[in-house]
């Protein structure tokens, strides 16, 4: 009995939280997109090309804002997989830094939170039934600026 209880406590405390697992998956997907030459499935800075491309593949429409004037040009988008579902990954750039914006439907709004893992900065928020995850090796200040532009 004591052994079984000890095993149960050990396995419960050793398992990462769902959020920790998701953050790890987001970092892995970001890194994989950079390594595998699979940054985009649709390469275009025109939101009128990117948004409709997703329409045939997803049951929601991700925002594809043109922020090139503000220094964050849209490079395109691709399909990715997070939380057991296909998700939109929009790809932006700031100077030489690539930024992935993962977007999918959510049931609740969440306040903004920030994380850093393996040299990458992440910003997460949820609003109006959508969850957003930004990730890049861009410095936190510029990534925050980008997040603010997306929220406007």
N, C-alpha and C. Protein backbone atom coordinates (compact mmCIF):
# COMPACT_ATOMS: atom_id res chain seq x y z
N UNK A 1 0.82 -1.19 0.00
CA UNK A 1 0.00 0.00 0.00
C UNK A 1 0.87 1.26 0.00
N UNK A 2 1.86 1.28 0.86
CA UNK A 2 2.74 2.44 0.94
C UNK A 2 3.53 2.60 -0.37
N UNK A 3 3.95 1.48 -0.93
CA UNK A 3 4.69 1.54 -2.20
C UNK A 3 3.82 2.10 -3.31
N UNK A 4 2.56 1.66 -3.37
CA UNK A 4 1.64 2.15 -4.40
C UNK A 4 1.37 3.64 -4.22
N UNK A 5 1.18 4.08 -3.00
CA UNK A 5 0.95 5.49 -2.72
C UNK A 5 2.18 6.32 -3.07
N UNK A 6 3.35 5.81 -2.75
CA UNK A 6 4.61 6.51 -3.10
C UNK A 6 4.76 6.64 -4.60
N UNK A 7 4.44 5.56 -5.32
CA UNK A 7 4.53 5.59 -6.78
C UNK A 7 3.56 6.62 -7.35
N UNK A 8 2.33 6.65 -6.84
CA UNK A 8 1.32 7.59 -7.30
C UNK A 8 1.77 9.03 -7.06
N UNK A 9 2.27 9.34 -5.90
CA UNK A 9 2.75 10.69 -5.58
C UNK A 9 3.92 11.05 -6.49
N UNK A 10 4.84 10.13 -6.68
CA UNK A 10 6.02 10.40 -7.51
C UNK A 10 5.65 10.66 -8.95
N UNK A 11 4.72 9.89 -9.51
CA UNK A 11 4.36 10.09 -10.90
C UNK A 11 3.53 11.35 -11.09
N UNK A 12 2.71 11.69 -10.14
CA UNK A 12 1.90 12.91 -10.24
C UNK A 12 2.77 14.16 -10.16
N UNK A 13 3.75 14.16 -9.28
CA UNK A 13 4.59 15.35 -9.12
C UNK A 13 5.64 15.44 -10.20
N UNK A 14 5.98 14.33 -10.85
CA UNK A 14 7.01 14.34 -11.89
C UNK A 14 6.45 14.75 -13.24
N UNK A 15 5.13 14.70 -13.42
CA UNK A 15 4.54 15.04 -14.71
C UNK A 15 4.42 16.55 -14.85
N UNK A 16 4.86 17.07 -16.00
CA UNK A 16 4.71 18.51 -16.21
C UNK A 16 3.24 18.89 -16.39
N UNK A 17 2.93 20.12 -16.09
CA UNK A 17 1.56 20.60 -16.28
C UNK A 17 1.23 20.64 -17.77
N UNK A 18 -0.06 20.74 -18.07
CA UNK A 18 -0.48 20.83 -19.47
C UNK A 18 0.11 22.08 -20.12
N UNK A 19 0.17 23.18 -19.37
CA UNK A 19 0.73 24.41 -19.93
C UNK A 19 2.22 24.24 -20.22
N UNK A 20 2.94 23.59 -19.32
CA UNK A 20 4.37 23.34 -19.54
C UNK A 20 4.58 22.47 -20.76
N UNK A 21 3.74 21.45 -20.93
CA UNK A 21 3.83 20.59 -22.11
C UNK A 21 3.54 21.39 -23.38
N UNK A 22 2.52 22.24 -23.34
CA UNK A 22 2.17 23.05 -24.51
C UNK A 22 3.31 24.00 -24.88
N UNK A 23 3.89 24.64 -23.89
CA UNK A 23 5.02 25.54 -24.16
C UNK A 23 6.17 24.78 -24.81
N UNK A 24 6.46 23.60 -24.31
CA UNK A 24 7.50 22.77 -24.92
C UNK A 24 7.16 22.41 -26.35
N UNK A 25 5.89 22.09 -26.62
CA UNK A 25 5.47 21.76 -27.98
C UNK A 25 5.58 22.97 -28.90
N UNK A 26 5.22 24.14 -28.41
CA UNK A 26 5.32 25.36 -29.22
C UNK A 26 6.77 25.65 -29.57
N UNK A 27 7.65 25.54 -28.60
CA UNK A 27 9.08 25.76 -28.87
C UNK A 27 9.57 24.73 -29.89
N UNK A 28 9.20 23.47 -29.71
CA UNK A 28 9.63 22.43 -30.65
C UNK A 28 9.11 22.69 -32.06
N UNK A 29 7.84 23.09 -32.19
CA UNK A 29 7.29 23.39 -33.51
C UNK A 29 8.00 24.58 -34.15
N UNK A 30 8.31 25.58 -33.36
CA UNK A 30 9.02 26.75 -33.87
C UNK A 30 10.40 26.34 -34.39
N UNK A 31 11.14 25.62 -33.58
CA UNK A 31 12.48 25.18 -33.97
C UNK A 31 12.42 24.28 -35.20
N UNK A 32 11.47 23.37 -35.22
CA UNK A 32 11.32 22.46 -36.36
C UNK A 32 11.03 23.24 -37.64
N UNK A 33 10.23 24.29 -37.54
CA UNK A 33 9.92 25.08 -38.74
C UNK A 33 11.16 25.78 -39.29
N UNK A 34 12.09 26.10 -38.42
CA UNK A 34 13.33 26.75 -38.85
C UNK A 34 14.33 25.73 -39.41
N UNK A 35 14.33 24.53 -38.89
CA UNK A 35 15.31 23.52 -39.28
C UNK A 35 14.91 22.77 -40.54
N UNK A 36 13.65 22.49 -40.71
CA UNK A 36 13.21 21.58 -41.75
C UNK A 36 12.87 22.30 -43.06
N UNK A 37 13.23 23.55 -43.16
CA UNK A 37 12.89 24.33 -44.34
C UNK A 37 11.39 24.25 -44.63
N UNK A 38 10.63 24.33 -43.57
CA UNK A 38 9.18 24.30 -43.68
C UNK A 38 8.59 25.48 -42.93
N UNK A 39 9.11 26.65 -43.24
CA UNK A 39 8.66 27.86 -42.57
C UNK A 39 7.23 28.19 -42.95
N UNK A 40 6.91 28.06 -44.24
CA UNK A 40 5.57 28.40 -44.70
C UNK A 40 5.05 27.36 -45.70
N UNK A 41 3.73 27.18 -45.69
CA UNK A 41 3.05 26.41 -46.73
C UNK A 41 2.55 27.35 -47.81
N UNK A 42 2.21 28.55 -47.40
CA UNK A 42 1.81 29.61 -48.33
C UNK A 42 2.72 30.80 -48.05
N UNK A 43 3.52 31.17 -49.03
CA UNK A 43 4.46 32.28 -48.87
C UNK A 43 3.89 33.51 -49.54
N UNK A 44 3.51 34.47 -48.72
CA UNK A 44 2.95 35.70 -49.25
C UNK A 44 2.88 36.74 -48.14
N UNK A 45 3.13 37.97 -48.50
CA UNK A 45 2.97 39.07 -47.56
C UNK A 45 1.57 39.68 -47.68
N UNK A 46 0.79 39.18 -48.61
CA UNK A 46 -0.55 39.69 -48.86
C UNK A 46 -1.56 38.90 -48.01
N UNK A 47 -2.20 39.60 -47.09
CA UNK A 47 -3.18 38.93 -46.22
C UNK A 47 -4.33 38.34 -47.02
N UNK A 48 -4.60 38.89 -48.20
CA UNK A 48 -5.68 38.38 -49.04
C UNK A 48 -5.31 37.05 -49.71
N UNK A 49 -4.07 36.67 -49.64
CA UNK A 49 -3.65 35.34 -50.09
C UNK A 49 -3.55 34.36 -48.92
N UNK A 50 -3.08 34.86 -47.79
CA UNK A 50 -2.83 34.00 -46.64
C UNK A 50 -4.13 33.55 -45.97
N UNK A 51 -5.01 34.49 -45.66
CA UNK A 51 -6.27 34.14 -44.98
C UNK A 51 -7.10 33.12 -45.76
N UNK A 52 -7.33 33.33 -47.06
CA UNK A 52 -8.13 32.34 -47.81
C UNK A 52 -7.45 30.96 -47.90
N UNK A 53 -6.14 30.93 -47.88
CA UNK A 53 -5.45 29.65 -47.92
C UNK A 53 -5.84 28.81 -46.70
N UNK A 54 -5.93 29.45 -45.54
CA UNK A 54 -6.32 28.74 -44.33
C UNK A 54 -7.80 28.34 -44.35
N UNK A 55 -8.63 29.09 -45.05
CA UNK A 55 -10.08 28.84 -45.05
C UNK A 55 -10.42 27.44 -45.52
N UNK A 56 -9.66 26.90 -46.43
CA UNK A 56 -9.93 25.55 -46.94
C UNK A 56 -9.42 24.45 -46.03
N UNK A 57 -8.63 24.82 -45.01
CA UNK A 57 -7.95 23.82 -44.20
C UNK A 57 -8.37 23.81 -42.73
N UNK A 58 -8.96 24.89 -42.27
CA UNK A 58 -9.32 25.01 -40.86
C UNK A 58 -10.80 25.37 -40.71
N UNK A 59 -11.33 25.13 -39.54
CA UNK A 59 -12.72 25.50 -39.26
C UNK A 59 -12.82 26.88 -38.62
N UNK A 60 -11.77 27.68 -38.74
CA UNK A 60 -11.76 29.05 -38.23
C UNK A 60 -10.84 29.88 -39.12
N UNK A 61 -10.95 31.18 -38.99
CA UNK A 61 -10.15 32.07 -39.82
C UNK A 61 -9.14 32.82 -38.94
N UNK A 62 -7.85 32.52 -39.08
CA UNK A 62 -6.86 33.21 -38.25
C UNK A 62 -6.63 34.64 -38.75
N UNK A 63 -6.32 35.54 -37.85
CA UNK A 63 -6.02 36.91 -38.29
C UNK A 63 -4.66 36.93 -39.00
N UNK A 64 -4.60 37.58 -40.11
CA UNK A 64 -3.33 37.70 -40.84
C UNK A 64 -3.14 39.17 -41.13
N UNK A 65 -2.62 39.88 -40.14
CA UNK A 65 -2.46 41.32 -40.26
C UNK A 65 -1.21 41.68 -41.05
N UNK A 66 -1.33 42.72 -41.85
CA UNK A 66 -0.17 43.26 -42.56
C UNK A 66 0.46 44.32 -41.66
N UNK A 67 1.59 44.00 -41.07
CA UNK A 67 2.27 44.93 -40.16
C UNK A 67 3.65 45.31 -40.71
N UNK A 68 3.79 45.27 -42.02
CA UNK A 68 5.09 45.58 -42.62
C UNK A 68 5.48 47.04 -42.40
N UNK A 69 4.53 47.95 -42.39
CA UNK A 69 4.84 49.37 -42.16
C UNK A 69 5.42 49.56 -40.76
N UNK A 70 4.98 48.75 -39.81
CA UNK A 70 5.48 48.83 -38.44
C UNK A 70 6.76 48.03 -38.24
N UNK A 71 7.27 47.41 -39.31
CA UNK A 71 8.53 46.68 -39.22
C UNK A 71 8.40 45.20 -38.94
N UNK A 72 7.20 44.66 -39.11
CA UNK A 72 6.94 43.24 -38.90
C UNK A 72 6.24 42.66 -40.11
N UNK A 73 6.95 42.45 -41.21
CA UNK A 73 6.29 41.94 -42.42
C UNK A 73 5.81 40.50 -42.27
N UNK A 74 4.65 40.24 -42.85
CA UNK A 74 4.10 38.89 -42.91
C UNK A 74 4.84 38.12 -44.01
N UNK A 75 5.34 36.94 -43.68
CA UNK A 75 6.01 36.11 -44.67
C UNK A 75 5.09 35.04 -45.25
N UNK A 76 4.06 34.66 -44.49
CA UNK A 76 3.13 33.64 -44.94
C UNK A 76 2.58 32.87 -43.78
N UNK A 77 2.15 31.64 -44.06
CA UNK A 77 1.57 30.81 -43.02
C UNK A 77 1.75 29.34 -43.33
N UNK A 78 1.46 28.53 -42.35
CA UNK A 78 1.54 27.08 -42.52
C UNK A 78 0.59 26.42 -41.53
N UNK A 79 0.32 25.18 -41.80
CA UNK A 79 -0.45 24.36 -40.88
C UNK A 79 0.52 23.78 -39.86
N UNK A 80 0.08 23.68 -38.62
CA UNK A 80 0.86 23.04 -37.58
C UNK A 80 -0.11 22.23 -36.73
N UNK A 81 0.38 21.63 -35.68
CA UNK A 81 -0.44 20.76 -34.86
C UNK A 81 -0.10 20.98 -33.40
N UNK A 82 -1.09 21.43 -32.62
CA UNK A 82 -0.92 21.67 -31.19
C UNK A 82 -2.22 21.31 -30.48
N UNK A 83 -2.11 20.89 -29.25
CA UNK A 83 -3.28 20.54 -28.44
C UNK A 83 -4.22 19.60 -29.18
N UNK A 84 -3.65 18.62 -29.87
CA UNK A 84 -4.42 17.58 -30.56
C UNK A 84 -5.33 18.11 -31.66
N UNK A 85 -4.90 19.17 -32.34
CA UNK A 85 -5.70 19.71 -33.44
C UNK A 85 -4.81 20.50 -34.40
N UNK A 86 -5.24 20.63 -35.65
CA UNK A 86 -4.51 21.49 -36.59
C UNK A 86 -4.68 22.95 -36.16
N UNK A 87 -3.61 23.70 -36.26
CA UNK A 87 -3.65 25.13 -35.91
C UNK A 87 -2.97 25.94 -37.00
N UNK A 88 -3.29 27.22 -37.03
CA UNK A 88 -2.64 28.13 -37.96
C UNK A 88 -1.34 28.64 -37.35
N UNK A 89 -0.32 28.68 -38.18
CA UNK A 89 0.94 29.30 -37.79
C UNK A 89 1.21 30.40 -38.81
N UNK A 90 1.14 31.64 -38.35
CA UNK A 90 1.45 32.79 -39.20
C UNK A 90 2.89 33.18 -38.93
N UNK A 91 3.62 33.46 -39.99
CA UNK A 91 5.05 33.72 -39.86
C UNK A 91 5.34 35.18 -40.22
N UNK A 92 5.97 35.86 -39.29
CA UNK A 92 6.37 37.25 -39.46
C UNK A 92 7.88 37.35 -39.29
N UNK A 93 8.40 38.50 -39.62
CA UNK A 93 9.84 38.71 -39.47
C UNK A 93 10.09 40.10 -38.90
N UNK A 94 11.13 40.20 -38.09
CA UNK A 94 11.61 41.50 -37.59
C UNK A 94 13.12 41.47 -37.79
N UNK A 95 13.60 42.25 -38.73
CA UNK A 95 15.01 42.22 -39.12
C UNK A 95 15.37 40.78 -39.49
N UNK A 96 16.31 40.16 -38.81
CA UNK A 96 16.69 38.78 -39.12
C UNK A 96 15.98 37.75 -38.24
N UNK A 97 15.06 38.19 -37.42
CA UNK A 97 14.38 37.31 -36.47
C UNK A 97 13.03 36.86 -37.02
N UNK A 98 12.79 35.57 -36.97
CA UNK A 98 11.51 35.02 -37.40
C UNK A 98 10.59 34.87 -36.20
N UNK A 99 9.32 35.14 -36.43
CA UNK A 99 8.30 35.09 -35.38
C UNK A 99 7.19 34.17 -35.84
N UNK A 100 6.84 33.20 -35.03
CA UNK A 100 5.68 32.35 -35.30
C UNK A 100 4.55 32.80 -34.40
N UNK A 101 3.39 32.97 -35.00
CA UNK A 101 2.17 33.26 -34.26
C UNK A 101 1.24 32.07 -34.45
N UNK A 102 1.06 31.29 -33.38
CA UNK A 102 0.16 30.14 -33.42
C UNK A 102 -1.21 30.61 -32.94
N UNK A 103 -2.25 30.25 -33.69
CA UNK A 103 -3.61 30.73 -33.40
C UNK A 103 -4.59 29.56 -33.53
N UNK A 104 -5.50 29.44 -32.54
CA UNK A 104 -6.57 28.46 -32.65
C UNK A 104 -7.71 28.86 -31.73
N UNK A 105 -8.92 28.31 -31.96
CA UNK A 105 -10.06 28.66 -31.11
C UNK A 105 -9.86 28.23 -29.66
N UNK A 106 -10.44 29.01 -28.77
CA UNK A 106 -10.38 28.72 -27.34
C UNK A 106 -11.76 28.98 -26.74
N UNK A 107 -12.00 28.37 -25.62
CA UNK A 107 -13.31 28.54 -24.98
C UNK A 107 -13.35 29.71 -24.02
N UNK A 108 -12.18 30.24 -23.65
CA UNK A 108 -12.17 31.33 -22.68
C UNK A 108 -11.07 32.33 -23.01
N UNK A 109 -11.26 33.54 -22.53
CA UNK A 109 -10.22 34.57 -22.66
C UNK A 109 -9.20 34.36 -21.54
N UNK A 110 -7.95 34.68 -21.84
CA UNK A 110 -6.90 34.55 -20.83
C UNK A 110 -6.05 35.80 -20.84
N UNK A 111 -5.61 36.23 -19.67
CA UNK A 111 -4.74 37.41 -19.62
C UNK A 111 -3.38 37.08 -20.23
N UNK A 112 -2.68 38.10 -20.61
CA UNK A 112 -1.36 37.91 -21.22
C UNK A 112 -0.39 37.31 -20.22
N UNK A 113 0.39 36.37 -20.69
CA UNK A 113 1.47 35.79 -19.88
C UNK A 113 2.71 35.66 -20.76
N UNK A 114 3.85 35.65 -20.10
CA UNK A 114 5.14 35.60 -20.81
C UNK A 114 5.98 34.46 -20.26
N UNK A 115 6.74 33.89 -21.18
CA UNK A 115 7.60 32.78 -20.82
C UNK A 115 8.91 32.91 -21.59
N UNK A 116 9.93 32.25 -21.12
CA UNK A 116 11.19 32.13 -21.84
C UNK A 116 11.65 30.68 -21.69
N UNK A 117 12.04 30.09 -22.80
CA UNK A 117 12.47 28.70 -22.77
C UNK A 117 13.47 28.46 -23.89
N UNK A 118 14.59 27.88 -23.56
CA UNK A 118 15.64 27.49 -24.52
C UNK A 118 16.03 28.63 -25.46
N UNK A 119 16.09 29.85 -24.93
CA UNK A 119 16.52 31.00 -25.73
C UNK A 119 15.41 31.66 -26.54
N UNK A 120 14.18 31.23 -26.35
CA UNK A 120 13.05 31.80 -27.07
C UNK A 120 12.11 32.51 -26.09
N UNK A 121 11.55 33.61 -26.54
CA UNK A 121 10.56 34.35 -25.77
C UNK A 121 9.19 34.02 -26.30
N UNK A 122 8.25 33.85 -25.40
CA UNK A 122 6.87 33.53 -25.76
C UNK A 122 5.92 34.49 -25.07
N UNK A 123 4.87 34.85 -25.78
CA UNK A 123 3.78 35.65 -25.21
C UNK A 123 2.49 34.94 -25.56
N UNK A 124 1.63 34.79 -24.56
CA UNK A 124 0.35 34.12 -24.76
C UNK A 124 -0.78 35.01 -24.26
N UNK A 125 -1.87 35.01 -24.98
CA UNK A 125 -3.10 35.65 -24.52
C UNK A 125 -4.26 35.02 -25.26
N UNK A 126 -5.44 35.22 -24.74
CA UNK A 126 -6.65 34.73 -25.39
C UNK A 126 -7.73 35.78 -25.31
N UNK A 127 -8.44 35.94 -26.42
CA UNK A 127 -9.54 36.90 -26.43
C UNK A 127 -10.51 36.55 -27.54
N UNK A 128 -11.76 36.85 -27.31
CA UNK A 128 -12.83 36.65 -28.28
C UNK A 128 -12.84 35.24 -28.87
N UNK A 129 -12.65 34.25 -28.01
CA UNK A 129 -12.73 32.87 -28.46
C UNK A 129 -11.52 32.36 -29.23
N UNK A 130 -10.40 33.07 -29.12
CA UNK A 130 -9.18 32.68 -29.84
C UNK A 130 -8.00 32.75 -28.89
N UNK A 131 -7.10 31.78 -29.00
CA UNK A 131 -5.86 31.80 -28.22
C UNK A 131 -4.71 32.14 -29.16
N UNK A 132 -3.77 32.91 -28.66
CA UNK A 132 -2.62 33.38 -29.43
C UNK A 132 -1.34 33.03 -28.68
N UNK A 133 -0.37 32.50 -29.41
CA UNK A 133 0.96 32.22 -28.86
C UNK A 133 2.00 32.78 -29.82
N UNK A 134 2.78 33.72 -29.36
CA UNK A 134 3.91 34.26 -30.12
C UNK A 134 5.18 33.62 -29.63
N UNK A 135 6.10 33.32 -30.55
CA UNK A 135 7.40 32.80 -30.16
C UNK A 135 8.46 33.30 -31.13
N UNK A 136 9.61 33.68 -30.56
CA UNK A 136 10.73 34.15 -31.37
C UNK A 136 11.97 34.27 -30.49
N UNK A 137 13.12 34.37 -31.14
CA UNK A 137 14.33 34.71 -30.40
C UNK A 137 14.50 36.23 -30.35
N UNK A 138 13.52 36.94 -30.83
CA UNK A 138 13.48 38.40 -30.75
C UNK A 138 13.48 38.82 -29.28
N UNK A 139 14.07 39.99 -28.99
CA UNK A 139 14.12 40.44 -27.60
C UNK A 139 12.70 40.69 -27.08
N UNK A 140 12.52 40.58 -25.76
CA UNK A 140 11.18 40.70 -25.17
C UNK A 140 10.48 42.03 -25.48
N UNK A 141 11.23 43.12 -25.55
CA UNK A 141 10.62 44.43 -25.79
C UNK A 141 9.98 44.49 -27.18
N UNK A 142 10.70 44.02 -28.20
CA UNK A 142 10.15 44.07 -29.55
C UNK A 142 9.04 43.04 -29.74
N UNK A 143 9.12 41.91 -29.07
CA UNK A 143 8.05 40.93 -29.16
C UNK A 143 6.79 41.48 -28.49
N UNK A 144 6.95 42.21 -27.40
CA UNK A 144 5.82 42.87 -26.73
C UNK A 144 5.20 43.92 -27.65
N UNK A 145 6.04 44.68 -28.34
CA UNK A 145 5.55 45.67 -29.30
C UNK A 145 4.71 44.98 -30.38
N UNK A 146 5.23 43.86 -30.89
CA UNK A 146 4.50 43.11 -31.91
C UNK A 146 3.16 42.60 -31.38
N UNK A 147 3.16 42.06 -30.17
CA UNK A 147 1.90 41.59 -29.56
C UNK A 147 0.90 42.72 -29.45
N UNK A 148 1.36 43.90 -29.08
CA UNK A 148 0.46 45.06 -28.97
C UNK A 148 -0.16 45.41 -30.32
N UNK A 149 0.63 45.33 -31.36
CA UNK A 149 0.12 45.62 -32.70
C UNK A 149 -0.92 44.59 -33.14
N UNK A 150 -0.71 43.34 -32.78
CA UNK A 150 -1.67 42.30 -33.13
C UNK A 150 -2.99 42.49 -32.40
N UNK A 151 -2.93 43.00 -31.18
CA UNK A 151 -4.13 43.17 -30.36
C UNK A 151 -4.97 44.35 -30.79
N UNK A 152 -4.37 45.31 -31.48
CA UNK A 152 -5.13 46.51 -31.92
C UNK A 152 -6.13 46.18 -33.00
